[in-house]
Amino acid sequence: MTARKINFYLTTLGAASDQQGLFAQANQLTLMQRAFVEIAPPQLAGCCTVGWFSEGSLTLYATSGAIAAKLKQISPSLLLKFNKKGYEVTAIRVAVQAHNHIMKADNKVDKNLNIGPVGMENLSQLAAGLPASPLKSAVESLLKRQAKQMVPQR
């Protein structure tokens, strides 16, 4: 079987009559996100995403309160720029949607997180109750790795 591009599947799903409204909205938001990246200051564009758009009101999600405050300050010029691009945006609402990932300073997920004693016990019980399978192997491997990390290094 050959791999197909995701657009093929999305186009096929979007052709279904009961899904057309949803896919039309998704396409509009995708286009608006691209327009936002073009018109917003580069420092802000990477920290914000376009949310819901309905009846002229556009919601922008910021990753922090400081970014949200700056977006609110420049929202009048964003309105004008969206209108110049052909979008009938009459209001911009800004909301904060912080990411809950545990990040290091270089924005990579910390892979050295430790599982607590209760979690280790629950995972051990899970592994003991599983039949031989890839899941059981994966859980046992995780337990072994965590056990090595918990041993104090000298």
N, C-alpha and C. Protein backbone atom coordinates (compact mmCIF):
# COMPACT_ATOMS: atom_id res chain seq x y z
N MET A 1 0.85 -1.18 0.00
CA MET A 1 0.00 0.00 0.00
C MET A 1 0.89 1.24 0.00
N THR A 2 0.55 2.18 -0.83
CA THR A 2 1.34 3.40 -0.91
C THR A 2 0.83 4.42 0.10
N ALA A 3 1.75 5.21 0.58
CA ALA A 3 1.37 6.27 1.52
C ALA A 3 0.72 7.41 0.74
N ARG A 4 -0.34 7.95 1.30
CA ARG A 4 -1.03 9.06 0.65
C ARG A 4 -0.91 10.30 1.51
N LYS A 5 -0.98 11.41 0.87
CA LYS A 5 -0.91 12.67 1.62
C LYS A 5 -2.19 12.85 2.43
N ILE A 6 -2.03 13.50 3.56
CA ILE A 6 -3.16 13.73 4.45
C ILE A 6 -4.25 14.55 3.76
N ASN A 7 -3.86 15.41 2.84
CA ASN A 7 -4.85 16.23 2.12
C ASN A 7 -5.85 15.39 1.36
N PHE A 8 -5.41 14.23 0.83
CA PHE A 8 -6.32 13.34 0.12
C PHE A 8 -7.45 12.91 1.06
N TYR A 9 -7.08 12.49 2.27
CA TYR A 9 -8.08 12.03 3.22
C TYR A 9 -8.97 13.17 3.69
N LEU A 10 -8.36 14.31 3.93
CA LEU A 10 -9.17 15.46 4.36
C LEU A 10 -10.14 15.89 3.27
N THR A 11 -9.69 15.87 2.03
CA THR A 11 -10.57 16.23 0.91
C THR A 11 -11.72 15.24 0.80
N THR A 12 -11.41 13.96 0.95
CA THR A 12 -12.45 12.93 0.88
C THR A 12 -13.45 13.09 2.01
N LEU A 13 -12.96 13.29 3.23
CA LEU A 13 -13.87 13.49 4.36
C LEU A 13 -14.68 14.77 4.21
N GLY A 14 -14.03 15.82 3.69
CA GLY A 14 -14.71 17.10 3.52
C GLY A 14 -15.81 17.05 2.48
N ALA A 15 -15.76 16.06 1.58
CA ALA A 15 -16.78 15.94 0.55
C ALA A 15 -18.09 15.39 1.11
N ALA A 16 -18.06 14.76 2.26
CA ALA A 16 -19.28 14.23 2.87
C ALA A 16 -20.16 15.40 3.29
N SER A 17 -21.44 15.31 2.97
CA SER A 17 -22.35 16.44 3.20
C SER A 17 -22.46 16.82 4.67
N ASP A 18 -22.38 15.85 5.57
CA ASP A 18 -22.52 16.17 6.99
C ASP A 18 -21.24 16.77 7.58
N GLN A 19 -20.13 16.73 6.86
CA GLN A 19 -18.86 17.26 7.34
C GLN A 19 -18.43 18.56 6.66
N GLN A 20 -19.16 19.00 5.67
CA GLN A 20 -18.73 20.16 4.88
C GLN A 20 -18.60 21.43 5.70
N GLY A 21 -19.52 21.67 6.61
CA GLY A 21 -19.44 22.87 7.45
C GLY A 21 -18.21 22.87 8.34
N LEU A 22 -17.92 21.73 8.91
CA LEU A 22 -16.76 21.61 9.78
C LEU A 22 -15.47 21.83 8.99
N PHE A 23 -15.37 21.22 7.82
CA PHE A 23 -14.15 21.36 7.03
C PHE A 23 -14.02 22.76 6.42
N ALA A 24 -15.15 23.39 6.11
CA ALA A 24 -15.10 24.77 5.62
C ALA A 24 -14.54 25.68 6.71
N GLN A 25 -14.99 25.49 7.96
CA GLN A 25 -14.49 26.28 9.08
C GLN A 25 -13.01 26.00 9.31
N ALA A 26 -12.61 24.73 9.25
CA ALA A 26 -11.20 24.38 9.45
C ALA A 26 -10.32 25.00 8.37
N ASN A 27 -10.78 24.98 7.13
CA ASN A 27 -10.02 25.61 6.04
C ASN A 27 -9.91 27.11 6.24
N GLN A 28 -11.01 27.73 6.66
CA GLN A 28 -10.98 29.17 6.89
C GLN A 28 -9.99 29.53 8.01
N LEU A 29 -9.98 28.74 9.08
CA LEU A 29 -9.05 29.00 10.18
C LEU A 29 -7.60 28.79 9.75
N THR A 30 -7.36 27.81 8.91
CA THR A 30 -6.01 27.58 8.40
C THR A 30 -5.54 28.76 7.58
N LEU A 31 -6.41 29.27 6.72
CA LEU A 31 -6.06 30.43 5.91
C LEU A 31 -5.86 31.67 6.78
N MET A 32 -6.68 31.82 7.80
CA MET A 32 -6.55 32.98 8.68
C MET A 32 -5.27 32.88 9.51
N GLN A 33 -4.87 31.66 9.90
CA GLN A 33 -3.62 31.49 10.63
C GLN A 33 -2.44 31.91 9.75
N ARG A 34 -2.47 31.51 8.48
CA ARG A 34 -1.41 31.92 7.56
C ARG A 34 -1.37 33.44 7.39
N ALA A 35 -2.55 34.04 7.29
CA ALA A 35 -2.61 35.50 7.16
C ALA A 35 -2.10 36.16 8.43
N PHE A 36 -2.45 35.61 9.59
CA PHE A 36 -2.00 36.17 10.85
C PHE A 36 -0.48 36.14 10.95
N VAL A 37 0.13 35.04 10.55
CA VAL A 37 1.60 34.93 10.59
C VAL A 37 2.24 35.99 9.70
N GLU A 38 1.59 36.33 8.58
CA GLU A 38 2.11 37.35 7.67
C GLU A 38 1.96 38.77 8.23
N ILE A 39 0.84 39.04 8.91
CA ILE A 39 0.57 40.42 9.31
C ILE A 39 1.03 40.76 10.73
N ALA A 40 1.20 39.76 11.57
CA ALA A 40 1.60 40.01 12.95
C ALA A 40 3.11 40.21 13.03
N PRO A 41 3.57 40.94 14.03
CA PRO A 41 5.02 41.06 14.24
C PRO A 41 5.61 39.66 14.44
N PRO A 42 6.77 39.40 13.86
CA PRO A 42 7.36 38.05 13.94
C PRO A 42 7.55 37.54 15.37
N GLN A 43 7.84 38.45 16.31
CA GLN A 43 8.02 38.03 17.70
C GLN A 43 6.72 37.48 18.30
N LEU A 44 5.60 37.97 17.83
CA LEU A 44 4.31 37.54 18.36
C LEU A 44 3.71 36.38 17.57
N ALA A 45 3.98 36.32 16.28
CA ALA A 45 3.34 35.32 15.43
C ALA A 45 3.63 33.90 15.88
N GLY A 46 4.83 33.66 16.39
CA GLY A 46 5.18 32.32 16.84
C GLY A 46 4.60 31.96 18.19
N CYS A 47 4.06 32.93 18.89
CA CYS A 47 3.52 32.70 20.24
C CYS A 47 2.00 32.74 20.28
N CYS A 48 1.37 32.80 19.12
CA CYS A 48 -0.08 32.95 19.07
C CYS A 48 -0.67 32.03 18.00
N THR A 49 -1.92 31.67 18.21
CA THR A 49 -2.64 30.92 17.19
C THR A 49 -4.04 31.50 17.03
N VAL A 50 -4.56 31.33 15.84
CA VAL A 50 -5.92 31.76 15.55
C VAL A 50 -6.86 30.71 16.14
N GLY A 51 -7.87 31.19 16.83
CA GLY A 51 -8.84 30.28 17.42
C GLY A 51 -10.13 30.27 16.63
N TRP A 52 -11.21 30.58 17.27
CA TRP A 52 -12.52 30.54 16.64
C TRP A 52 -12.81 31.83 15.89
N PHE A 53 -13.50 31.72 14.75
CA PHE A 53 -13.93 32.88 13.99
C PHE A 53 -15.41 32.71 13.68
N SER A 54 -16.22 33.64 14.17
CA SER A 54 -17.65 33.56 13.97
C SER A 54 -18.25 34.96 13.97
N GLU A 55 -19.06 35.23 12.98
CA GLU A 55 -19.79 36.50 12.87
C GLU A 55 -18.88 37.71 13.02
N GLY A 56 -17.70 37.64 12.42
CA GLY A 56 -16.78 38.76 12.43
C GLY A 56 -15.87 38.84 13.64
N SER A 57 -16.11 38.00 14.64
CA SER A 57 -15.30 38.01 15.85
C SER A 57 -14.25 36.91 15.78
N LEU A 58 -13.00 37.30 15.93
CA LEU A 58 -11.88 36.38 15.85
C LEU A 58 -11.24 36.23 17.23
N THR A 59 -11.00 35.00 17.64
CA THR A 59 -10.31 34.73 18.90
C THR A 59 -8.87 34.36 18.59
N LEU A 60 -7.94 35.04 19.26
CA LEU A 60 -6.52 34.72 19.16
C LEU A 60 -6.07 34.16 20.49
N TYR A 61 -5.31 33.07 20.46
CA TYR A 61 -4.79 32.46 21.68
C TYR A 61 -3.32 32.79 21.81
N ALA A 62 -2.95 33.32 22.97
CA ALA A 62 -1.56 33.67 23.27
C ALA A 62 -1.01 32.69 24.29
N THR A 63 0.31 32.52 24.28
CA THR A 63 0.93 31.56 25.20
C THR A 63 1.18 32.13 26.59
N SER A 64 1.05 33.45 26.75
CA SER A 64 1.27 34.05 28.07
C SER A 64 0.47 35.34 28.19
N GLY A 65 0.39 35.83 29.41
CA GLY A 65 -0.32 37.08 29.65
C GLY A 65 0.36 38.27 29.00
N ALA A 66 1.69 38.25 28.97
CA ALA A 66 2.42 39.36 28.36
C ALA A 66 2.15 39.42 26.86
N ILE A 67 2.13 38.27 26.22
CA ILE A 67 1.84 38.22 24.78
C ILE A 67 0.40 38.67 24.54
N ALA A 68 -0.51 38.24 25.40
CA ALA A 68 -1.90 38.64 25.26
C ALA A 68 -2.06 40.15 25.39
N ALA A 69 -1.35 40.74 26.32
CA ALA A 69 -1.43 42.19 26.50
C ALA A 69 -0.93 42.92 25.26
N LYS A 70 0.16 42.45 24.69
CA LYS A 70 0.69 43.08 23.48
C LYS A 70 -0.29 42.91 22.32
N LEU A 71 -0.90 41.74 22.20
CA LEU A 71 -1.89 41.53 21.14
C LEU A 71 -3.07 42.50 21.28
N LYS A 72 -3.50 42.71 22.53
CA LYS A 72 -4.61 43.65 22.75
C LYS A 72 -4.22 45.06 22.34
N GLN A 73 -2.95 45.42 22.57
CA GLN A 73 -2.49 46.75 22.19
C GLN A 73 -2.49 46.94 20.67
N ILE A 74 -2.11 45.90 19.93
CA ILE A 74 -2.00 46.04 18.48
C ILE A 74 -3.24 45.55 17.74
N SER A 75 -4.28 45.15 18.47
CA SER A 75 -5.47 44.61 17.81
C SER A 75 -6.13 45.57 16.80
N PRO A 76 -6.15 46.89 17.03
CA PRO A 76 -6.72 47.76 16.00
C PRO A 76 -5.98 47.66 14.65
N SER A 77 -4.65 47.59 14.71
CA SER A 77 -3.91 47.47 13.44
C SER A 77 -4.09 46.08 12.85
N LEU A 78 -4.23 45.06 13.68
CA LEU A 78 -4.49 43.71 13.16
C LEU A 78 -5.84 43.65 12.46
N LEU A 79 -6.84 44.34 13.03
CA LEU A 79 -8.15 44.40 12.38
C LEU A 79 -8.04 44.98 10.97
N LEU A 80 -7.33 46.09 10.86
CA LEU A 80 -7.17 46.73 9.54
C LEU A 80 -6.44 45.81 8.57
N LYS A 81 -5.40 45.14 9.05
CA LYS A 81 -4.62 44.26 8.17
C LYS A 81 -5.43 43.04 7.74
N PHE A 82 -6.23 42.48 8.65
CA PHE A 82 -7.09 41.36 8.26
C PHE A 82 -8.09 41.81 7.21
N ASN A 83 -8.66 43.01 7.39
CA ASN A 83 -9.62 43.53 6.42
C ASN A 83 -8.98 43.77 5.05
N LYS A 84 -7.74 44.24 5.04
CA LYS A 84 -7.02 44.42 3.77
C LYS A 84 -6.78 43.09 3.07
N LYS A 85 -6.65 42.02 3.85
CA LYS A 85 -6.44 40.68 3.28
C LYS A 85 -7.75 40.06 2.82
N GLY A 86 -8.87 40.72 3.08
CA GLY A 86 -10.16 40.22 2.61
C GLY A 86 -10.98 39.49 3.66
N TYR A 87 -10.56 39.50 4.90
CA TYR A 87 -11.32 38.85 5.97
C TYR A 87 -12.17 39.90 6.67
N GLU A 88 -13.43 39.59 6.89
CA GLU A 88 -14.35 40.53 7.52
C GLU A 88 -14.29 40.40 9.04
N VAL A 89 -13.16 40.78 9.62
CA VAL A 89 -12.98 40.73 11.06
C VAL A 89 -13.40 42.07 11.64
N THR A 90 -14.36 42.02 12.57
CA THR A 90 -14.85 43.25 13.18
C THR A 90 -14.41 43.38 14.64
N ALA A 91 -13.99 42.27 15.23
CA ALA A 91 -13.54 42.29 16.63
C ALA A 91 -12.51 41.20 16.83
N ILE A 92 -11.56 41.49 17.71
CA ILE A 92 -10.54 40.50 18.07
C ILE A 92 -10.61 40.28 19.57
N ARG A 93 -10.76 39.04 19.95
CA ARG A 93 -10.77 38.64 21.36
C ARG A 93 -9.46 37.91 21.61
N VAL A 94 -8.79 38.21 22.70
CA VAL A 94 -7.51 37.58 23.02
C VAL A 94 -7.68 36.75 24.29
N ALA A 95 -7.22 35.51 24.23
CA ALA A 95 -7.27 34.62 25.39
C ALA A 95 -5.89 33.99 25.59
N VAL A 96 -5.60 33.65 26.82
CA VAL A 96 -4.32 33.00 27.13
C VAL A 96 -4.55 31.49 27.18
N GLN A 97 -3.73 30.78 26.45
CA GLN A 97 -3.78 29.33 26.44
C GLN A 97 -2.35 28.83 26.59
N ALA A 98 -1.92 28.73 27.81
CA ALA A 98 -0.54 28.33 28.09
C ALA A 98 -0.34 26.86 27.78
N HIS A 99 0.87 26.51 27.37
CA HIS A 99 1.21 25.12 27.11
C HIS A 99 1.58 24.45 28.42
N ASN A 100 1.14 23.23 28.62
CA ASN A 100 1.40 22.53 29.86
C ASN A 100 2.57 21.56 29.78
N HIS A 101 3.38 21.68 28.74
CA HIS A 101 4.53 20.79 28.60
C HIS A 101 5.63 21.21 29.57
N ILE A 102 6.33 20.24 30.11
CA ILE A 102 7.47 20.54 30.95
C ILE A 102 8.65 20.71 30.02
N MET A 103 9.16 21.93 29.92
CA MET A 103 10.21 22.23 28.97
C MET A 103 11.50 22.61 29.67
N LYS A 104 12.58 22.29 29.01
CA LYS A 104 13.89 22.78 29.44
C LYS A 104 14.08 24.16 28.83
N ALA A 105 15.19 24.79 29.15
CA ALA A 105 15.46 26.13 28.63
C ALA A 105 15.55 26.14 27.11
N ASP A 106 15.97 25.02 26.49
CA ASP A 106 16.10 24.99 25.04
C ASP A 106 14.82 24.51 24.35
N ASN A 107 13.68 24.56 25.06
CA ASN A 107 12.35 24.21 24.54
C ASN A 107 12.21 22.75 24.12
N LYS A 108 12.98 21.86 24.74
CA LYS A 108 12.83 20.43 24.49
C LYS A 108 12.16 19.80 25.70
N VAL A 109 11.32 18.81 25.46
CA VAL A 109 10.64 18.14 26.55
C VAL A 109 11.67 17.39 27.39
N ASP A 110 11.58 17.53 28.70
CA ASP A 110 12.50 16.85 29.61
C ASP A 110 12.15 15.37 29.64
N LYS A 111 13.05 14.53 29.12
CA LYS A 111 12.79 13.10 29.05
C LYS A 111 13.31 12.36 30.28
N ASN A 112 13.89 13.06 31.22
CA ASN A 112 14.43 12.44 32.42
C ASN A 112 13.51 12.63 33.62
N LEU A 113 12.21 12.61 33.39
CA LEU A 113 11.26 12.74 34.48
C LEU A 113 11.20 11.42 35.24
N ASN A 114 11.04 11.49 36.53
CA ASN A 114 10.99 10.29 37.35
C ASN A 114 9.56 9.95 37.73
N ILE A 115 9.29 8.66 37.80
CA ILE A 115 7.99 8.17 38.25
C ILE A 115 8.09 7.93 39.74
N GLY A 116 7.12 8.37 40.48
CA GLY A 116 7.12 8.21 41.93
C GLY A 116 6.90 6.77 42.34
N PRO A 117 7.06 6.49 43.65
CA PRO A 117 6.91 5.12 44.16
C PRO A 117 5.53 4.52 43.90
N VAL A 118 4.49 5.32 44.06
CA VAL A 118 3.12 4.81 43.83
C VAL A 118 2.94 4.47 42.36
N GLY A 119 3.45 5.32 41.49
CA GLY A 119 3.37 5.05 40.06
C GLY A 119 4.13 3.80 39.67
N MET A 120 5.31 3.61 40.27
CA MET A 120 6.12 2.41 39.99
C MET A 120 5.36 1.16 40.43
N GLU A 121 4.73 1.22 41.61
CA GLU A 121 3.97 0.06 42.11
C GLU A 121 2.79 -0.25 41.19
N ASN A 122 2.08 0.79 40.75
CA ASN A 122 0.93 0.58 39.86
C ASN A 122 1.37 0.02 38.52
N LEU A 123 2.49 0.51 37.99
CA LEU A 123 2.99 -0.02 36.72
C LEU A 123 3.45 -1.47 36.87
N SER A 124 4.04 -1.81 38.02
CA SER A 124 4.45 -3.20 38.28
C SER A 124 3.24 -4.11 38.29
N GLN A 125 2.16 -3.67 38.96
CA GLN A 125 0.93 -4.46 39.00
C GLN A 125 0.33 -4.60 37.60
N LEU A 126 0.38 -3.53 36.82
CA LEU A 126 -0.12 -3.59 35.45
C LEU A 126 0.67 -4.59 34.64
N ALA A 127 1.99 -4.53 34.71
CA ALA A 127 2.83 -5.45 33.95
C ALA A 127 2.58 -6.89 34.36
N ALA A 128 2.39 -7.13 35.66
CA ALA A 128 2.15 -8.49 36.14
C ALA A 128 0.84 -9.05 35.60
N GLY A 129 -0.15 -8.20 35.40
CA GLY A 129 -1.46 -8.65 34.95
C GLY A 129 -1.61 -8.72 33.44
N LEU A 130 -0.63 -8.26 32.69
CA LEU A 130 -0.72 -8.27 31.23
C LEU A 130 -0.21 -9.58 30.65
N PRO A 131 -0.85 -10.05 29.57
CA PRO A 131 -0.30 -11.21 28.87
C PRO A 131 0.95 -10.78 28.09
N ALA A 132 1.73 -11.74 27.65
CA ALA A 132 2.93 -11.42 26.86
C ALA A 132 2.50 -10.63 25.63
N SER A 133 3.01 -9.40 25.54
CA SER A 133 2.63 -8.52 24.43
C SER A 133 3.63 -7.39 24.34
N PRO A 134 3.58 -6.63 23.25
CA PRO A 134 4.46 -5.46 23.15
C PRO A 134 4.22 -4.44 24.26
N LEU A 135 2.96 -4.33 24.71
CA LEU A 135 2.66 -3.39 25.80
C LEU A 135 3.35 -3.83 27.08
N LYS A 136 3.28 -5.11 27.39
CA LYS A 136 3.93 -5.62 28.59
C LYS A 136 5.43 -5.38 28.52
N SER A 137 6.03 -5.63 27.36
CA SER A 137 7.47 -5.40 27.18
C SER A 137 7.81 -3.94 27.39
N ALA A 138 6.98 -3.05 26.86
CA ALA A 138 7.24 -1.62 26.99
C ALA A 138 7.14 -1.17 28.44
N VAL A 139 6.14 -1.66 29.16
CA VAL A 139 5.97 -1.28 30.57
C VAL A 139 7.15 -1.80 31.39
N GLU A 140 7.55 -3.05 31.14
CA GLU A 140 8.70 -3.61 31.87
C GLU A 140 9.98 -2.84 31.56
N SER A 141 10.16 -2.44 30.31
CA SER A 141 11.33 -1.65 29.94
C SER A 141 11.33 -0.30 30.66
N LEU A 142 10.17 0.33 30.73
CA LEU A 142 10.04 1.59 31.44
C LEU A 142 10.38 1.41 32.92
N LEU A 143 9.90 0.34 33.51
CA LEU A 143 10.18 0.08 34.92
C LEU A 143 11.68 -0.12 35.16
N LYS A 144 12.35 -0.85 34.27
CA LYS A 144 13.79 -1.08 34.41
C LYS A 144 14.56 0.24 34.30
N ARG A 145 14.18 1.08 33.32
CA ARG A 145 14.85 2.37 33.16
C ARG A 145 14.66 3.25 34.38
N GLN A 146 13.45 3.27 34.90
CA GLN A 146 13.16 4.09 36.08
C GLN A 146 13.91 3.57 37.30
N ALA A 147 14.02 2.25 37.43
CA ALA A 147 14.74 1.66 38.56
C ALA A 147 16.22 2.06 38.51
N LYS A 148 16.80 2.10 37.32
CA LYS A 148 18.21 2.52 37.17
C LYS A 148 18.38 3.98 37.56
N GLN A 149 17.41 4.83 37.20
CA GLN A 149 17.49 6.26 37.51
C GLN A 149 17.32 6.51 39.01
N MET A 150 16.58 5.64 39.69
CA MET A 150 16.32 5.85 41.10
C MET A 150 17.50 5.41 41.98
N VAL A 151 18.37 4.53 41.46
CA VAL A 151 19.55 4.10 42.23
C VAL A 151 20.49 5.28 42.35
N PRO A 152 20.90 5.65 43.58
CA PRO A 152 21.80 6.81 43.74
C PRO A 152 23.14 6.56 43.04
N GLN A 153 23.57 7.53 42.28
CA GLN A 153 24.86 7.46 41.57
C GLN A 153 25.97 7.86 42.53
N ARG A 154 27.11 7.14 42.51
CA ARG A 154 28.24 7.47 43.38
C ARG A 154 29.31 8.17 42.63
